[in-house]
Amino acid sequence: MMKMFQRLHEKQGMTIVLVTHQMDDVADYADHVLVMDEGHLIKEGTPREIFQNEQWLENHQLGLPKTAAMARDLTKQGFRFDPLPLTTDELADQLAKQIGGGAHD
């Protein structure tokens, strides 16, 4: 279903409003994010802006997308990410650069 929304947005220029708790969908598909708490807007920005502060996310019962969490865990193994990858393509590109491979296609 998310791919269908993406195609409608890209091909027909439709604005899609998605209400979700799925942080992976937010990272993969959103251009702009509004974070609500009890009906009040508490933060807005791009997915990169929203996911940059893990402590803030935790304080508001939100998590990182799985890819970003994996990248965070990989930093404990010596990998460095700048910026923190939010999508699998971003993670693959940054890992390829660090281990000597080419960019992900």
C-alpha atoms as a PDB file:
ATOM      1  CA  MET A   1       0.000   0.000   0.000  1.00  0.00           C
ATOM      2  CA  MET A   2       2.865   2.393   0.798  1.00  0.00           C
ATOM      3  CA  LYS A   3       4.297   1.898  -2.702  1.00  0.00           C
ATOM      4  CA  MET A   4       0.916   2.825  -4.158  1.00  0.00           C
ATOM      5  CA  PHE A   5       0.854   6.036  -2.103  1.00  0.00           C
ATOM      6  CA  GLN A   6       4.388   6.786  -3.239  1.00  0.00           C
ATOM      7  CA  ARG A   7       3.426   6.347  -6.908  1.00  0.00           C
ATOM      8  CA  LEU A   8       0.375   8.604  -6.510  1.00  0.00           C
ATOM      9  CA  HIS A   9       2.560  11.264  -4.925  1.00  0.00           C
ATOM     10  CA  GLU A  10       5.320  11.028  -7.526  1.00  0.00           C
ATOM     11  CA  LYS A  11       3.255  10.527 -10.689  1.00  0.00           C
ATOM     12  CA  GLN A  12       0.133  12.550  -9.930  1.00  0.00           C
ATOM     13  CA  GLY A  13       1.504  15.105  -7.492  1.00  0.00           C
ATOM     14  CA  MET A  14      -0.978  14.083  -4.802  1.00  0.00           C
ATOM     15  CA  THR A  15      -0.358  15.054  -1.233  1.00  0.00           C
ATOM     16  CA  ILE A  16      -0.688  11.997   0.990  1.00  0.00           C
ATOM     17  CA  VAL A  17      -1.414  12.395   4.698  1.00  0.00           C
ATOM     18  CA  LEU A  18      -0.370   9.329   6.660  1.00  0.00           C
ATOM     19  CA  VAL A  19      -1.068   8.784  10.335  1.00  0.00           C
ATOM     20  CA  THR A  20       1.242   6.092  11.676  1.00  0.00           C
ATOM     21  CA  HIS A  21       3.340   4.836  14.533  1.00  0.00           C
ATOM     22  CA  GLN A  22       5.570   2.950  12.078  1.00  0.00           C
ATOM     23  CA  MET A  23       8.864   4.840  12.157  1.00  0.00           C
ATOM     24  CA  ASP A  24      10.212   2.831   9.209  1.00  0.00           C
ATOM     25  CA  ASP A  25       7.371   4.134   7.027  1.00  0.00           C
ATOM     26  CA  VAL A  26       8.064   7.679   8.188  1.00  0.00           C
ATOM     27  CA  ALA A  27      11.761   7.346   7.310  1.00  0.00           C
ATOM     28  CA  ASP A  28      11.113   5.651   3.962  1.00  0.00           C
ATOM     29  CA  TYR A  29       8.222   7.722   2.638  1.00  0.00           C
ATOM     30  CA  ALA A  30       7.648  11.021   4.425  1.00  0.00           C
ATOM     31  CA  ASP A  31       8.842  14.379   3.153  1.00  0.00           C
ATOM     32  CA  HIS A  32       7.536  16.262   6.177  1.00  0.00           C
ATOM     33  CA  VAL A  33       6.571  14.995   9.632  1.00  0.00           C
ATOM     34  CA  LEU A  34       4.231  16.378  12.282  1.00  0.00           C
ATOM     35  CA  VAL A  35       4.576  14.778  15.712  1.00  0.00           C
ATOM     36  CA  MET A  36       1.439  14.969  17.812  1.00  0.00           C
ATOM     37  CA  ASP A  37       0.929  14.238  21.497  1.00  0.00           C
ATOM     38  CA  GLU A  38      -2.578  14.218  22.960  1.00  0.00           C
ATOM     39  CA  GLY A  39      -3.821  16.301  20.042  1.00  0.00           C
ATOM     40  CA  HIS A  40      -1.057  18.900  20.261  1.00  0.00           C
ATOM     41  CA  LEU A  41       1.688  19.493  17.735  1.00  0.00           C
ATOM     42  CA  ILE A  42       4.991  19.015  19.576  1.00  0.00           C
ATOM     43  CA  LYS A  43       7.488  18.886  16.709  1.00  0.00           C
ATOM     44  CA  GLU A  44       7.629  19.151  12.948  1.00  0.00           C
ATOM     45  CA  GLY A  45      10.308  18.844  10.318  1.00  0.00           C
ATOM     46  CA  THR A  46      11.881  16.451   7.878  1.00  0.00           C
ATOM     47  CA  PRO A  47      12.380  12.844   8.921  1.00  0.00           C
ATOM     48  CA  ARG A  48      16.096  13.613   9.376  1.00  0.00           C
ATOM     49  CA  GLU A  49      15.255  16.487  11.742  1.00  0.00           C
ATOM     50  CA  ILE A  50      12.732  14.410  13.689  1.00  0.00           C
ATOM     51  CA  PHE A  51      15.025  11.401  14.146  1.00  0.00           C
ATOM     52  CA  GLN A  52      18.203  13.290  15.052  1.00  0.00           C
ATOM     53  CA  ASN A  53      17.613  13.292  18.819  1.00  0.00           C
ATOM     54  CA  GLU A  54      17.178   9.783  20.155  1.00  0.00           C
ATOM     55  CA  GLN A  55      16.639  10.967  23.735  1.00  0.00           C
ATOM     56  CA  TRP A  56      13.777  13.239  22.636  1.00  0.00           C
ATOM     57  CA  LEU A  57      12.223  10.323  20.745  1.00  0.00           C
ATOM     58  CA  GLU A  58      12.487   8.091  23.793  1.00  0.00           C
ATOM     59  CA  ASN A  59      10.968  10.773  26.031  1.00  0.00           C
ATOM     60  CA  HIS A  60       7.957  10.844  23.701  1.00  0.00           C
ATOM     61  CA  GLN A  61       7.617   7.057  23.388  1.00  0.00           C
ATOM     62  CA  LEU A  62       8.887   7.073  19.799  1.00  0.00           C
ATOM     63  CA  GLY A  63      11.653   4.959  18.369  1.00  0.00           C
ATOM     64  CA  LEU A  64      14.223   5.131  15.649  1.00  0.00           C
ATOM     65  CA  PRO A  65      13.575   3.479  12.320  1.00  0.00           C
ATOM     66  CA  LYS A  66      15.137  -0.016  12.309  1.00  0.00           C
ATOM     67  CA  THR A  67      17.858   1.077   9.893  1.00  0.00           C
ATOM     68  CA  ALA A  68      18.870   4.002  12.095  1.00  0.00           C
ATOM     69  CA  ALA A  69      18.882   1.736  15.163  1.00  0.00           C
ATOM     70  CA  MET A  70      21.105  -0.735  13.316  1.00  0.00           C
ATOM     71  CA  ALA A  71      23.482   2.068  12.341  1.00  0.00           C
ATOM     72  CA  ARG A  72      23.572   3.241  15.955  1.00  0.00           C
ATOM     73  CA  ASP A  73      24.461  -0.294  17.030  1.00  0.00           C
ATOM     74  CA  LEU A  74      27.158  -0.503  14.351  1.00  0.00           C
ATOM     75  CA  THR A  75      28.825   2.596  15.792  1.00  0.00           C
ATOM     76  CA  LYS A  76      29.677   0.407  18.793  1.00  0.00           C
ATOM     77  CA  GLN A  77      31.673  -1.744  16.356  1.00  0.00           C
ATOM     78  CA  GLY A  78      33.636   1.247  15.081  1.00  0.00           C
ATOM     79  CA  PHE A  79      31.528   2.380  12.131  1.00  0.00           C
ATOM     80  CA  ARG A  80      30.751   6.087  11.784  1.00  0.00           C
ATOM     81  CA  PHE A  81      27.679   7.526  10.138  1.00  0.00           C
ATOM     82  CA  ASP A  82      27.190  11.128   9.115  1.00  0.00           C
ATOM     83  CA  PRO A  83      24.345  11.689   8.838  1.00  0.00           C
ATOM     84  CA  LEU A  84      22.665   8.800  10.647  1.00  0.00           C
ATOM     85  CA  PRO A  85      21.135   6.695   7.864  1.00  0.00           C
ATOM     86  CA  LEU A  86      17.361   6.467   8.005  1.00  0.00           C
ATOM     87  CA  THR A  87      16.769   4.135   5.052  1.00  0.00           C
ATOM     88  CA  THR A  88      18.382   0.895   3.945  1.00  0.00           C
ATOM     89  CA  ASP A  89      19.747   2.610   0.822  1.00  0.00           C
ATOM     90  CA  GLU A  90      21.462   5.271   2.948  1.00  0.00           C
ATOM     91  CA  LEU A  91      22.890   2.604   5.261  1.00  0.00           C
ATOM     92  CA  ALA A  92      24.151   0.512   2.340  1.00  0.00           C
ATOM     93  CA  ASP A  93      25.817   3.542   0.722  1.00  0.00           C
ATOM     94  CA  GLN A  94      27.584   4.588   3.901  1.00  0.00           C
ATOM     95  CA  LEU A  95      28.700   1.042   4.756  1.00  0.00           C
ATOM     96  CA  ALA A  96      30.012   0.497   1.220  1.00  0.00           C
ATOM     97  CA  LYS A  97      32.159   3.635   1.514  1.00  0.00           C
ATOM     98  CA  GLN A  98      33.551   2.512   4.859  1.00  0.00           C
ATOM     99  CA  ILE A  99      34.432  -1.028   3.806  1.00  0.00           C
ATOM    100  CA  GLY A 100      35.836  -0.021   0.433  1.00  0.00           C
ATOM    101  CA  GLY A 101      32.990  -0.925  -1.882  1.00  0.00           C
ATOM    102  CA  GLY A 102      31.101   1.225  -4.313  1.00  0.00           C
ATOM    103  CA  ALA A 103      27.872   3.045  -3.639  1.00  0.00           C
ATOM    104  CA  HIS A 104      24.632   1.061  -3.472  1.00  0.00           C
ATOM    105  CA  ASP A 105      22.528   1.042  -6.682  1.00  0.00           C
END
